[in-house]
Amino acid sequence: MYLEELLPAHDGVEGIEAFLEKRPPEWKNA
C-alpha cells in the first residue's frame, strides 16, 4: 500500500482508520 511508503506504518493506518471512522487521528509521530 502506497501510504506506508509515505508515512510511518502506524500513522498511515491510523490516518485511514480515523478518516473512515470520521474521528480525529491519534498521531504517534507527529
PDB file of N, CA and C in Angstrom:
ATOM      1  N   MET A   1       0.852  -1.194   0.000  1.00  0.00           N
ATOM      2  CA  MET A   1       0.000   0.000   0.000  1.00  0.00           C
ATOM      3  C   MET A   1       0.884   1.238   0.000  1.00  0.00           C
ATOM      4  N   TYR A   2       0.562   2.180  -0.843  1.00  0.00           N
ATOM      5  CA  TYR A   2       1.490   3.291  -1.068  1.00  0.00           C
ATOM      6  C   TYR A   2       1.633   4.227   0.127  1.00  0.00           C
ATOM      7  N   LEU A   3       0.604   4.345   0.976  1.00  0.00           N
ATOM      8  CA  LEU A   3       0.703   5.247   2.123  1.00  0.00           C
ATOM      9  C   LEU A   3       1.810   4.819   3.080  1.00  0.00           C
ATOM     10  N   GLU A   4       2.078   3.525   3.157  1.00  0.00           N
ATOM     11  CA  GLU A   4       3.121   3.051   4.063  1.00  0.00           C
ATOM     12  C   GLU A   4       4.497   3.524   3.626  1.00  0.00           C
ATOM     13  N   GLU A   5       4.631   3.879   2.356  1.00  0.00           N
ATOM     14  CA  GLU A   5       5.905   4.397   1.873  1.00  0.00           C
ATOM     15  C   GLU A   5       6.063   5.874   2.211  1.00  0.00           C
ATOM     16  N   LEU A   6       4.954   6.559   2.410  1.00  0.00           N
ATOM     17  CA  LEU A   6       4.997   7.998   2.663  1.00  0.00           C
ATOM     18  C   LEU A   6       4.970   8.316   4.152  1.00  0.00           C
ATOM     19  N   LEU A   7       4.319   7.476   4.925  1.00  0.00           N
ATOM     20  CA  LEU A   7       4.150   7.723   6.355  1.00  0.00           C
ATOM     21  C   LEU A   7       4.656   6.525   7.142  1.00  0.00           C
ATOM     22  N   PRO A   8       5.021   6.737   8.404  1.00  0.00           N
ATOM     23  CA  PRO A   8       5.294   5.590   9.278  1.00  0.00           C
ATOM     24  C   PRO A   8       4.083   4.658   9.301  1.00  0.00           C
ATOM     25  N   ALA A   9       4.326   3.375   9.464  1.00  0.00           N
ATOM     26  CA  ALA A   9       3.267   2.385   9.296  1.00  0.00           C
ATOM     27  C   ALA A   9       2.047   2.693  10.167  1.00  0.00           C
ATOM     28  N   HIS A  10       2.273   2.968  11.447  1.00  0.00           N
ATOM     29  CA  HIS A  10       1.139   3.225  12.343  1.00  0.00           C
ATOM     30  C   HIS A  10       0.355   4.443  11.898  1.00  0.00           C
ATOM     31  N   ASP A  11       1.054   5.533  11.626  1.00  0.00           N
ATOM     32  CA  ASP A  11       0.364   6.770  11.289  1.00  0.00           C
ATOM     33  C   ASP A  11      -0.399   6.638   9.973  1.00  0.00           C
ATOM     34  N   GLY A  12       0.133   5.875   9.039  1.00  0.00           N
ATOM     35  CA  GLY A  12      -0.582   5.661   7.792  1.00  0.00           C
ATOM     36  C   GLY A  12      -1.891   4.929   8.018  1.00  0.00           C
ATOM     37  N   VAL A  13      -1.835   3.858   8.797  1.00  0.00           N
ATOM     38  CA  VAL A  13      -3.041   3.088   9.098  1.00  0.00           C
ATOM     39  C   VAL A  13      -3.990   3.917   9.949  1.00  0.00           C
ATOM     40  N   GLU A  14      -3.470   4.616  10.930  1.00  0.00           N
ATOM     41  CA  GLU A  14      -4.293   5.438  11.805  1.00  0.00           C
ATOM     42  C   GLU A  14      -5.011   6.521  11.019  1.00  0.00           C
ATOM     43  N   GLY A  15      -4.313   7.131  10.086  1.00  0.00           N
ATOM     44  CA  GLY A  15      -4.949   8.171   9.281  1.00  0.00           C
ATOM     45  C   GLY A  15      -6.131   7.637   8.485  1.00  0.00           C
ATOM     46  N   ILE A  16      -5.965   6.445   7.913  1.00  0.00           N
ATOM     47  CA  ILE A  16      -7.046   5.835   7.136  1.00  0.00           C
ATOM     48  C   ILE A  16      -8.203   5.452   8.054  1.00  0.00           C
ATOM     49  N   GLU A  17      -7.891   4.811   9.179  1.00  0.00           N
ATOM     50  CA  GLU A  17      -8.947   4.384  10.093  1.00  0.00           C
ATOM     51  C   GLU A  17      -9.702   5.580  10.650  1.00  0.00           C
ATOM     52  N   ALA A  18      -8.970   6.624  11.026  1.00  0.00           N
ATOM     53  CA  ALA A  18      -9.611   7.820  11.564  1.00  0.00           C
ATOM     54  C   ALA A  18     -10.531   8.448  10.522  1.00  0.00           C
ATOM     55  N   PHE A  19     -10.067   8.495   9.275  1.00  0.00           N
ATOM     56  CA  PHE A  19     -10.885   9.057   8.203  1.00  0.00           C
ATOM     57  C   PHE A  19     -12.160   8.237   8.010  1.00  0.00           C
ATOM     58  N   LEU A  20     -12.030   6.922   7.990  1.00  0.00           N
ATOM     59  CA  LEU A  20     -13.191   6.064   7.773  1.00  0.00           C
ATOM     60  C   LEU A  20     -14.155   6.124   8.952  1.00  0.00           C
ATOM     61  N   GLU A  21     -13.626   6.300  10.160  1.00  0.00           N
ATOM     62  CA  GLU A  21     -14.458   6.366  11.359  1.00  0.00           C
ATOM     63  C   GLU A  21     -14.920   7.788  11.652  1.00  0.00           C
ATOM     64  N   LYS A  22     -14.483   8.737  10.812  1.00  0.00           N
ATOM     65  CA  LYS A  22     -14.853  10.150  10.960  1.00  0.00           C
ATOM     66  C   LYS A  22     -14.504  10.669  12.348  1.00  0.00           C
ATOM     67  N   ARG A  23     -13.256  10.411  12.746  1.00  0.00           N
ATOM     68  CA  ARG A  23     -12.760  10.895  14.036  1.00  0.00           C
ATOM     69  C   ARG A  23     -11.371  11.478  13.813  1.00  0.00           C
ATOM     70  N   PRO A  24     -10.907  12.303  14.750  1.00  0.00           N
ATOM     71  CA  PRO A  24      -9.551  12.846  14.606  1.00  0.00           C
ATOM     72  C   PRO A  24      -8.516  11.735  14.738  1.00  0.00           C
ATOM     73  N   PRO A  25      -7.473  11.735  13.908  1.00  0.00           N
ATOM     74  CA  PRO A  25      -6.418  10.735  14.037  1.00  0.00           C
ATOM     75  C   PRO A  25      -5.574  10.976  15.283  1.00  0.00           C
ATOM     76  N   GLU A  26      -5.075   9.898  15.865  1.00  0.00           N
ATOM     77  CA  GLU A  26      -4.184   9.994  17.026  1.00  0.00           C
ATOM     78  C   GLU A  26      -2.777   9.672  16.547  1.00  0.00           C
ATOM     79  N   TRP A  27      -2.043  10.703  16.138  1.00  0.00           N
ATOM     80  CA  TRP A  27      -0.716  10.505  15.565  1.00  0.00           C
ATOM     81  C   TRP A  27       0.283  10.118  16.647  1.00  0.00           C
ATOM     82  N   LYS A  28       1.146   9.145  16.352  1.00  0.00           N
ATOM     83  CA  LYS A  28       2.236   8.760  17.246  1.00  0.00           C
ATOM     84  C   LYS A  28       3.490   9.576  16.946  1.00  0.00           C
ATOM     85  N   ASN A  29       3.748   9.839  15.658  1.00  0.00           N
ATOM     86  CA  ASN A  29       4.975  10.523  15.241  1.00  0.00           C
ATOM     87  C   ASN A  29       4.629  11.857  14.599  1.00  0.00           C
ATOM     88  N   ALA A  30       3.966  12.712  15.364  1.00  0.00           N
ATOM     89  CA  ALA A  30       3.519  13.996  14.811  1.00  0.00           C
ATOM     90  C   ALA A  30       4.694  14.960  14.707  1.00  0.00           C
TER      91      ALA A  30
END
